Amino acid sequence: MTNAQATDTYPGELADVPGWFPPLDQMLFTWFLERQQKQGMRGDLLELGVYMGKSAILLGHHLQDGEKFTVCDLFEGDAPDEANKAESTKSYASLTQQAFERNYLSFHDTLPTVIAAPSSVVSEKVAPDTCRFVHVDASHLYEHVYGDIGAAHDILMPEGIVVLDDFRSEHTPGVSVAAWEAVLNRGLRPVCLSTQKLYGTWGDPEPVQEELLDMLRQRTDVGLSVQEAAGHRLVRARSRGMKPPAFPSSRHYVAPVPAQAGTPAAPVAESRAARPARPSPSRARRLAKDLLPPVVTRAVRRARAKRA
């Protein structure tokens, strides 16, 4: 993982916010959240690990009246152990609570409830059975992810959705072990797998899976496959040139200035490679000799003789 650097500028669009949130996952987040709303499902939202706020900004857009959105991150705080401290220093040195809040408030009027602490405290701050959607994207160390999954299980409503980030990235084996252990031994039921995230539930996955499959099969920008493993149906989705879903611009967005009528277009610089090579003088004479009719060639020779 590269360290996406923070900037001091206000984002105009969601794409301007640093972070790792591919268009496929933006589409899936949107679909799951909108499905819950259409079904009349009400519950709070929770994100463990926010970085610069890219996914939190999208989650906050789907917050319904009376619901609560909570985010939890270390920010500049002390890590609970040396391994977590080393991880934070390496990958998230540029993360500050101020940067997160600046980005989030560019798109929303109020901040979510912010817990600036290790994710292990979230069970003390968020009541059980209150959330309909939980995004786990905090530490990548096995012990921490194991605890985060346990907290998500307790905090989620029975049919709620949990999303585990980086569950199959080569640099995060601890997440992979914790995620699949939860599937095999802790009752987590996969709904779908994206390139980066595992979407699951501790409820019945079949109804949401069927609706998801119907939606994905209608899209031409998604590669889709369905597999069976250890008694679980695994819906795998991958992007095929997908564009991110439409999202409102921030309060700092500045529209591009359209070109005025009558303004001359900027000259296009032609590269040397785009121009045909000019033949050398000797080659040009040979080409003329080969291409001109004999009568013209003889006339040229007589003219040269007279000048001589």
Protein backbone atom coordinates (compact mmCIF):
# COMPACT_ATOMS: atom_id res chain seq x y z
CA MET A 1 0.00 0.00 0.00
CA THR A 2 1.32 3.43 -0.89
CA ASN A 3 0.79 6.31 1.45
CA ALA A 4 -1.74 8.64 -0.22
CA GLN A 5 -0.64 12.05 0.95
CA ALA A 6 -2.93 14.61 2.48
CA THR A 7 -3.33 17.99 0.88
CA ASP A 8 -4.14 21.38 2.35
CA THR A 9 -6.74 22.17 -0.28
CA TYR A 10 -10.48 21.70 0.10
CA PRO A 11 -11.86 18.92 -2.12
CA GLY A 12 -14.28 19.90 -4.85
CA GLU A 13 -15.39 16.37 -5.64
CA LEU A 14 -15.20 12.99 -3.92
CA ALA A 15 -12.38 12.03 -6.30
CA ASP A 16 -10.28 14.84 -4.80
CA VAL A 17 -10.23 13.16 -1.37
CA PRO A 18 -7.13 10.95 -0.93
CA GLY A 19 -7.82 7.32 -0.19
CA TRP A 20 -8.41 3.84 -1.55
CA PHE A 21 -12.07 3.53 -2.58
CA PRO A 22 -12.46 2.07 -6.09
CA PRO A 23 -15.52 2.82 -8.25
CA LEU A 24 -16.75 -0.78 -7.86
CA ASP A 25 -16.93 -0.43 -4.09
CA GLN A 26 -18.46 3.03 -4.34
CA MET A 27 -21.20 1.46 -6.46
CA LEU A 28 -21.68 -1.48 -4.07
CA PHE A 29 -21.84 0.77 -0.97
CA THR A 30 -24.44 2.90 -2.72
CA TRP A 31 -26.49 -0.12 -3.77
CA PHE A 32 -26.54 -1.76 -0.32
CA LEU A 33 -27.39 1.49 1.46
CA GLU A 34 -30.12 2.44 -1.02
CA ARG A 35 -31.60 -1.06 -0.81
CA GLN A 36 -31.84 -0.74 2.97
CA GLN A 37 -33.57 2.61 2.62
CA LYS A 38 -36.04 1.29 0.04
CA GLN A 39 -36.92 -1.57 2.38
CA GLY A 40 -37.59 0.88 5.20
CA MET A 41 -34.66 -0.43 7.23
CA ARG A 42 -33.50 2.05 9.83
CA GLY A 43 -30.33 1.87 11.88
CA ASP A 44 -27.08 3.65 12.54
CA LEU A 45 -23.88 3.63 10.48
CA LEU A 46 -20.35 2.86 11.71
CA GLU A 47 -16.90 3.05 10.16
CA LEU A 48 -13.74 1.77 11.82
CA GLY A 49 -10.75 3.46 10.20
CA VAL A 50 -11.51 6.56 8.14
CA TYR A 51 -8.17 7.78 6.75
CA MET A 52 -9.03 11.06 4.93
CA GLY A 53 -12.77 10.40 4.88
CA LYS A 54 -13.49 9.22 1.34
CA SER A 55 -15.81 6.32 2.22
CA ALA A 56 -17.14 8.15 5.29
CA ILE A 57 -18.28 11.01 3.07
CA LEU A 58 -20.27 8.57 0.93
CA LEU A 59 -21.73 6.84 3.99
CA GLY A 60 -22.80 10.16 5.47
CA HIS A 61 -24.73 10.95 2.30
CA HIS A 62 -27.04 7.98 3.05
CA LEU A 63 -27.75 8.90 6.66
CA GLN A 64 -31.50 9.09 7.30
CA ASP A 65 -33.31 11.36 9.76
CA GLY A 66 -32.92 10.12 13.30
CA GLU A 67 -29.95 7.87 12.49
CA LYS A 68 -26.46 8.29 13.93
CA PHE A 69 -23.14 7.96 12.12
CA THR A 70 -20.04 7.10 14.16
CA VAL A 71 -16.44 6.93 12.95
CA CYS A 72 -13.47 5.61 14.89
CA ASP A 73 -9.78 6.13 14.14
CA LEU A 74 -6.53 6.64 16.00
CA PHE A 75 -5.75 9.86 14.10
CA GLU A 76 -2.76 11.33 15.98
CA GLY A 77 -3.45 9.25 19.09
CA ASP A 78 -1.28 6.57 20.63
CA ALA A 79 -1.54 3.06 19.21
CA PRO A 80 -2.43 0.29 21.67
CA ASP A 81 0.72 -1.73 20.96
CA GLU A 82 4.06 -1.48 19.16
CA ALA A 83 2.93 -3.45 16.09
CA ASN A 84 -0.04 -1.14 15.57
CA LYS A 85 2.18 1.89 16.15
CA ALA A 86 4.60 0.74 13.44
CA GLU A 87 1.72 0.11 11.04
CA SER A 88 0.25 3.59 11.63
CA THR A 89 3.61 5.30 11.25
CA LYS A 90 4.34 3.54 7.96
CA SER A 91 0.98 3.85 6.17
CA TYR A 92 -0.92 6.69 7.86
CA ALA A 93 1.65 9.25 8.93
CA SER A 94 -0.22 12.03 7.12
CA LEU A 95 -3.56 11.29 8.81
CA THR A 96 -4.88 13.94 11.16
CA GLN A 97 -8.33 14.48 12.61
CA GLN A 98 -8.24 18.03 11.25
CA ALA A 99 -7.70 16.76 7.68
CA PHE A 100 -10.56 14.26 8.02
CA GLU A 101 -12.95 16.88 9.39
CA ARG A 102 -11.99 19.41 6.72
CA ASN A 103 -12.76 16.91 3.96
CA TYR A 104 -15.98 15.66 5.54
CA LEU A 105 -17.38 19.14 6.19
CA SER A 106 -16.73 20.05 2.57
CA PHE A 107 -19.63 17.74 1.70
CA HIS A 108 -21.79 17.74 4.85
CA ASP A 109 -23.10 20.32 7.30
CA THR A 110 -22.26 18.41 10.48
CA LEU A 111 -19.62 15.92 11.52
CA PRO A 112 -20.36 12.33 12.52
CA THR A 113 -19.63 11.28 16.07
CA VAL A 114 -15.83 10.97 16.08
CA ILE A 115 -14.07 8.49 18.38
CA ALA A 116 -10.36 9.30 18.36
CA ALA A 117 -9.16 6.05 19.86
CA PRO A 118 -8.26 2.45 18.97
CA SER A 119 -11.14 0.51 17.43
CA SER A 120 -11.10 -1.80 20.45
CA VAL A 121 -13.11 0.82 22.38
CA VAL A 122 -15.99 0.97 19.91
CA SER A 123 -18.06 -1.65 21.75
CA GLU A 124 -18.09 0.69 24.75
CA LYS A 125 -19.25 3.65 22.66
CA VAL A 126 -21.81 2.10 20.27
CA ALA A 127 -24.76 0.10 21.60
CA PRO A 128 -25.41 -3.50 20.47
CA ASP A 129 -27.90 -4.23 17.66
CA THR A 130 -28.07 -0.59 16.53
CA CYS A 131 -26.26 -0.42 13.17
CA ARG A 132 -27.46 -1.45 9.73
CA PHE A 133 -24.08 -0.96 8.01
CA VAL A 134 -20.54 -1.31 9.40
CA HIS A 135 -17.35 -0.71 7.41
CA VAL A 136 -14.21 -2.24 8.96
CA ASP A 137 -11.05 -0.62 7.58
CA ALA A 138 -8.82 -0.06 10.59
CA SER A 139 -5.72 -2.04 11.56
CA HIS A 140 -4.59 -4.87 9.27
CA LEU A 141 -3.11 -6.91 12.12
CA TYR A 142 -4.90 -10.20 12.80
CA GLU A 143 -5.55 -9.61 16.51
CA HIS A 144 -7.11 -6.21 15.87
CA VAL A 145 -9.20 -7.34 12.89
CA TYR A 146 -10.45 -10.32 14.91
CA GLY A 147 -11.66 -7.91 17.60
CA ASP A 148 -13.17 -5.51 15.05
CA ILE A 149 -15.18 -8.34 13.49
CA GLY A 150 -16.44 -9.38 16.90
CA ALA A 151 -17.47 -5.81 17.66
CA ALA A 152 -19.24 -5.55 14.30
CA HIS A 153 -21.17 -8.74 15.06
CA ASP A 154 -22.43 -7.33 18.36
CA ILE A 155 -23.20 -3.86 17.01
CA LEU A 156 -24.97 -4.90 13.79
CA MET A 157 -28.69 -5.47 13.54
CA PRO A 158 -29.64 -9.06 12.55
CA GLU A 159 -29.84 -8.32 8.80
CA GLY A 160 -27.17 -5.63 8.78
CA ILE A 161 -24.23 -5.56 6.38
CA VAL A 162 -20.56 -5.62 7.40
CA VAL A 163 -17.79 -4.76 4.92
CA LEU A 164 -14.24 -5.99 5.53
CA ASP A 165 -11.58 -4.05 3.63
CA ASP A 166 -8.34 -5.53 2.24
CA PHE A 167 -9.47 -9.10 2.91
CA ARG A 168 -7.30 -10.50 0.10
CA SER A 169 -4.51 -8.01 -0.49
CA GLU A 170 -1.04 -9.53 -0.48
CA HIS A 171 0.21 -7.03 2.11
CA THR A 172 -2.63 -7.74 4.61
CA PRO A 173 -2.58 -11.49 5.42
CA GLY A 174 -3.88 -10.79 8.93
CA VAL A 175 -7.13 -9.45 7.48
CA SER A 176 -7.47 -12.51 5.22
CA VAL A 177 -7.04 -14.93 8.12
CA ALA A 178 -9.50 -13.04 10.34
CA ALA A 179 -12.09 -12.65 7.57
CA TRP A 180 -12.18 -16.27 6.46
CA GLU A 181 -12.00 -17.47 10.05
CA ALA A 182 -15.16 -15.44 10.69
CA VAL A 183 -16.82 -17.13 7.71
CA LEU A 184 -15.79 -20.65 8.73
CA ASN A 185 -16.10 -20.43 12.53
CA ARG A 186 -17.99 -17.29 13.60
CA GLY A 187 -21.18 -17.40 11.53
CA LEU A 188 -20.38 -14.64 9.02
CA ARG A 189 -22.15 -15.27 5.69
CA PRO A 190 -20.55 -13.75 2.57
CA VAL A 191 -22.87 -11.75 0.31
CA CYS A 192 -20.31 -10.76 -2.31
CA LEU A 193 -16.61 -10.22 -2.86
CA SER A 194 -15.15 -7.26 -4.72
CA THR A 195 -11.51 -6.92 -5.67
CA GLN A 196 -10.84 -5.26 -2.33
CA LYS A 197 -13.68 -5.94 0.11
CA LEU A 198 -15.81 -8.75 1.53
CA TYR A 199 -19.49 -7.87 2.06
CA GLY A 200 -21.23 -10.12 4.55
CA THR A 201 -24.04 -10.54 7.06
CA TRP A 202 -24.88 -12.62 10.10
CA GLY A 203 -28.44 -12.80 8.79
CA ASP A 204 -29.80 -14.67 5.77
CA PRO A 205 -27.67 -13.71 2.73
CA GLU A 206 -29.92 -15.27 0.06
CA PRO A 207 -32.52 -12.49 -0.44
CA VAL A 208 -29.94 -9.70 -0.77
CA GLN A 209 -27.70 -11.94 -2.89
CA GLU A 210 -30.49 -12.63 -5.39
CA GLU A 211 -31.26 -8.92 -5.75
CA LEU A 212 -27.57 -8.13 -6.08
CA LEU A 213 -27.10 -10.76 -8.80
CA ASP A 214 -30.06 -9.37 -10.75
CA MET A 215 -28.51 -5.89 -10.64
CA LEU A 216 -24.98 -7.00 -11.52
CA ARG A 217 -26.14 -9.13 -14.47
CA GLN A 218 -27.67 -6.05 -16.07
CA ARG A 219 -24.41 -4.10 -16.01
CA THR A 220 -21.84 -4.26 -18.79
CA ASP A 221 -19.05 -2.75 -16.67
CA VAL A 222 -18.89 -5.61 -14.14
CA GLY A 223 -17.27 -9.01 -14.49
CA LEU A 224 -19.32 -11.54 -12.52
CA SER A 225 -18.81 -15.11 -11.34
CA VAL A 226 -20.49 -17.34 -8.75
CA GLN A 227 -18.68 -20.09 -6.89
CA GLU A 228 -19.37 -22.47 -4.01
CA ALA A 229 -16.90 -22.97 -1.16
CA ALA A 230 -17.36 -24.60 2.25
CA GLY A 231 -21.12 -24.42 1.87
CA HIS A 232 -21.16 -20.73 0.98
CA ARG A 233 -22.20 -19.15 -2.31
CA LEU A 234 -19.55 -16.62 -3.27
CA VAL A 235 -20.57 -13.86 -5.66
CA ARG A 236 -17.43 -12.33 -7.15
CA ALA A 237 -17.55 -8.94 -8.87
CA ARG A 238 -14.75 -7.08 -10.64
CA SER A 239 -14.66 -3.80 -12.49
CA ARG A 240 -14.57 -3.62 -16.28
CA GLY A 241 -13.75 0.03 -16.77
CA MET A 242 -16.42 1.11 -14.28
CA LYS A 243 -16.93 4.79 -13.58
CA PRO A 244 -17.81 5.86 -10.02
CA PRO A 245 -21.50 6.57 -9.35
CA ALA A 246 -22.70 10.15 -9.42
CA PHE A 247 -22.06 11.96 -6.15
CA PRO A 248 -22.85 15.56 -5.13
CA SER A 249 -19.99 18.03 -5.42
CA SER A 250 -18.65 19.71 -2.31
CA ARG A 251 -19.40 23.27 -1.24
CA HIS A 252 -15.94 24.20 -2.57
CA TYR A 253 -16.49 22.87 -6.09
CA VAL A 254 -15.53 25.23 -8.87
CA ALA A 255 -16.90 24.37 -12.30
CA PRO A 256 -14.44 24.43 -15.21
CA VAL A 257 -14.58 27.66 -17.20
CA PRO A 258 -16.12 26.91 -20.62
CA ALA A 259 -14.24 28.09 -23.69
CA GLN A 260 -15.68 31.34 -25.09
CA ALA A 261 -17.04 31.44 -28.63
CA GLY A 262 -14.57 32.84 -31.12
CA THR A 263 -11.57 32.09 -28.95
CA PRO A 264 -8.91 30.58 -31.18
CA ALA A 265 -7.96 27.09 -30.27
CA ALA A 266 -4.54 26.61 -28.80
CA PRO A 267 -2.02 25.47 -31.40
CA VAL A 268 -1.39 21.76 -31.36
CA ALA A 269 2.27 20.94 -31.22
CA GLU A 270 3.10 18.27 -33.73
CA SER A 271 5.63 15.77 -32.52
CA ARG A 272 8.60 14.80 -34.62
CA ALA A 273 7.31 11.24 -34.68
CA ALA A 274 4.00 12.40 -36.16
CA ARG A 275 5.67 14.10 -39.15
CA PRO A 276 6.82 12.04 -42.13
CA ALA A 277 10.56 11.96 -42.50
CA ARG A 278 11.91 14.32 -45.16
CA PRO A 279 14.08 12.46 -47.72
CA SER A 280 17.69 13.49 -48.13
CA PRO A 281 18.62 15.43 -51.33
CA SER A 282 20.31 12.43 -52.94
CA ARG A 283 17.33 10.21 -52.14
CA ALA A 284 14.96 12.87 -53.51
CA ARG A 285 16.82 12.92 -56.83
CA ARG A 286 16.66 9.14 -57.08
CA LEU A 287 12.94 9.19 -56.38
CA ALA A 288 12.37 11.83 -59.06
CA LYS A 289 14.36 9.82 -61.59
CA ASP A 290 12.30 6.70 -60.83
CA LEU A 291 8.93 8.43 -60.86
CA LEU A 292 9.15 10.97 -63.73
CA PRO A 293 8.30 9.84 -67.28
CA PRO A 294 11.37 9.39 -69.61
CA VAL A 295 10.40 12.36 -71.82
CA VAL A 296 10.40 14.69 -68.83
CA THR A 297 13.71 13.29 -67.64
CA ARG A 298 15.34 13.97 -71.06
CA ALA A 299 13.97 17.54 -71.09
CA VAL A 300 15.48 18.18 -67.67
CA ARG A 301 18.86 16.92 -68.87
CA ARG A 302 18.80 19.19 -71.99
CA ALA A 303 17.94 22.23 -69.85
CA ARG A 304 20.85 21.48 -67.54
CA ALA A 305 23.19 21.11 -70.55
CA LYS A 306 22.20 24.52 -71.95
CA ARG A 307 22.82 26.23 -68.57
CA ALA A 308 26.23 24.60 -68.44
